[in-house]
Each structure stands twice: as structure tokens, then as C-alpha cells.
Amino acid sequence: MTQWDYAVYVIDDVNDIFREQLQNLGNDGWELVSVVSGAMAGGKPRLVVFLKRPRR
């Protein structure tokens, strides 16, 4: 059975940071599990991203 490592990231600046992270997603073994919207941060939407990858 595969064991997983999990990571949670809070992204405050959706336009800049999320675009950069999406371009690199999967290159390091992380898989996107879920993205949910959270509270506003300084008038901008905040996202919470859940990732997983096989334990090494």
C-alpha cells in the first residue's frame, strides 16, 4: 500500500503566486488533492491548497 506525505499551503496573492506554483505542479512529485477558498486577505481572495506525494 502506498503511504503519502501531505502538505497544505495558504495562498494569499492568487494572481501571482498561484500561477507560478501551477506551472511547477507535478515536477517535484506533488499531486493536487483539493483547492478551497478561504477568508479574504487584504481584500484579495485566499486559497487553501492540499497536496500529496508518495512517501520516499
C-alpha atoms as a PDB file:
ATOM      1  CA  MET A   1       0.000   0.000   0.000  1.00  0.00           C
ATOM      2  CA  THR A   2       1.295   3.459  -0.874  1.00  0.00           C
ATOM      3  CA  GLN A   3       1.996   5.795   2.011  1.00  0.00           C
ATOM      4  CA  TRP A   4       1.609   9.518   1.379  1.00  0.00           C
ATOM      5  CA  ASP A   5       3.156  12.772   2.532  1.00  0.00           C
ATOM      6  CA  TYR A   6       0.694  15.662   2.699  1.00  0.00           C
ATOM      7  CA  ALA A   7       1.155  19.420   2.515  1.00  0.00           C
ATOM      8  CA  VAL A   8      -1.195  22.355   2.983  1.00  0.00           C
ATOM      9  CA  TYR A   9      -0.448  25.785   1.535  1.00  0.00           C
ATOM     10  CA  VAL A  10      -2.329  29.019   2.095  1.00  0.00           C
ATOM     11  CA  ILE A  11      -2.051  31.295  -0.922  1.00  0.00           C
ATOM     12  CA  ASP A  12      -2.815  34.960  -0.291  1.00  0.00           C
ATOM     13  CA  ASP A  13      -1.852  36.502  -3.643  1.00  0.00           C
ATOM     14  CA  VAL A  14      -3.778  34.271  -6.017  1.00  0.00           C
ATOM     15  CA  ASN A  15      -2.857  36.011  -9.257  1.00  0.00           C
ATOM     16  CA  ASP A  16       0.928  35.907  -8.967  1.00  0.00           C
ATOM     17  CA  ILE A  17       1.878  33.054  -6.669  1.00  0.00           C
ATOM     18  CA  PHE A  18      -0.745  30.532  -7.744  1.00  0.00           C
ATOM     19  CA  ARG A  19       0.134  30.939 -11.430  1.00  0.00           C
ATOM     20  CA  GLU A  20       3.805  30.252 -10.680  1.00  0.00           C
ATOM     21  CA  GLN A  21       3.021  27.244  -8.495  1.00  0.00           C
ATOM     22  CA  LEU A  22       0.668  25.751 -11.083  1.00  0.00           C
ATOM     23  CA  GLN A  23       3.431  25.898 -13.699  1.00  0.00           C
ATOM     24  CA  ASN A  24       5.666  23.767 -11.451  1.00  0.00           C
ATOM     25  CA  LEU A  25       2.969  21.439 -10.098  1.00  0.00           C
ATOM     26  CA  GLY A  26       3.841  17.782 -10.567  1.00  0.00           C
ATOM     27  CA  ASN A  27       7.505  18.333 -11.397  1.00  0.00           C
ATOM     28  CA  ASP A  28       8.505  17.509  -7.814  1.00  0.00           C
ATOM     29  CA  GLY A  29       6.082  14.606  -7.299  1.00  0.00           C
ATOM     30  CA  TRP A  30       3.311  16.565  -5.554  1.00  0.00           C
ATOM     31  CA  GLU A  31      -0.260  15.945  -6.728  1.00  0.00           C
ATOM     32  CA  LEU A  32      -3.119  18.382  -6.263  1.00  0.00           C
ATOM     33  CA  VAL A  33      -5.794  16.947  -3.968  1.00  0.00           C
ATOM     34  CA  SER A  34      -8.075  19.927  -3.425  1.00  0.00           C
ATOM     35  CA  VAL A  35      -8.319  23.712  -3.571  1.00  0.00           C
ATOM     36  CA  VAL A  36     -10.785  25.569  -1.367  1.00  0.00           C
ATOM     37  CA  SER A  37     -11.444  29.253  -0.961  1.00  0.00           C
ATOM     38  CA  GLY A  38     -10.793  30.765   2.440  1.00  0.00           C
ATOM     39  CA  ALA A  39     -11.190  34.123   4.128  1.00  0.00           C
ATOM     40  CA  MET A  40     -10.213  37.331   2.378  1.00  0.00           C
ATOM     41  CA  ALA A  41      -6.674  38.602   2.956  1.00  0.00           C
ATOM     42  CA  GLY A  42      -6.259  42.330   2.451  1.00  0.00           C
ATOM     43  CA  GLY A  43      -9.247  42.445   0.109  1.00  0.00           C
ATOM     44  CA  LYS A  44      -7.933  39.589  -2.036  1.00  0.00           C
ATOM     45  CA  PRO A  45      -9.263  36.036  -2.080  1.00  0.00           C
ATOM     46  CA  ARG A  46      -7.236  33.462  -0.177  1.00  0.00           C
ATOM     47  CA  LEU A  47      -6.937  29.855  -1.317  1.00  0.00           C
ATOM     48  CA  VAL A  48      -6.021  26.782   0.683  1.00  0.00           C
ATOM     49  CA  VAL A  49      -4.296  24.105  -1.412  1.00  0.00           C
ATOM     50  CA  PHE A  50      -3.945  20.466  -0.315  1.00  0.00           C
ATOM     51  CA  LEU A  51      -1.218  18.345  -1.943  1.00  0.00           C
ATOM     52  CA  LYS A  52       0.069  14.785  -1.607  1.00  0.00           C
ATOM     53  CA  ARG A  53       3.005  12.749  -2.904  1.00  0.00           C
ATOM     54  CA  PRO A  54       4.193   9.190  -2.392  1.00  0.00           C
ATOM     55  CA  ARG A  55       6.392   8.888   0.709  1.00  0.00           C
ATOM     56  CA  ARG A  56      10.048   8.377  -0.186  1.00  0.00           C
END
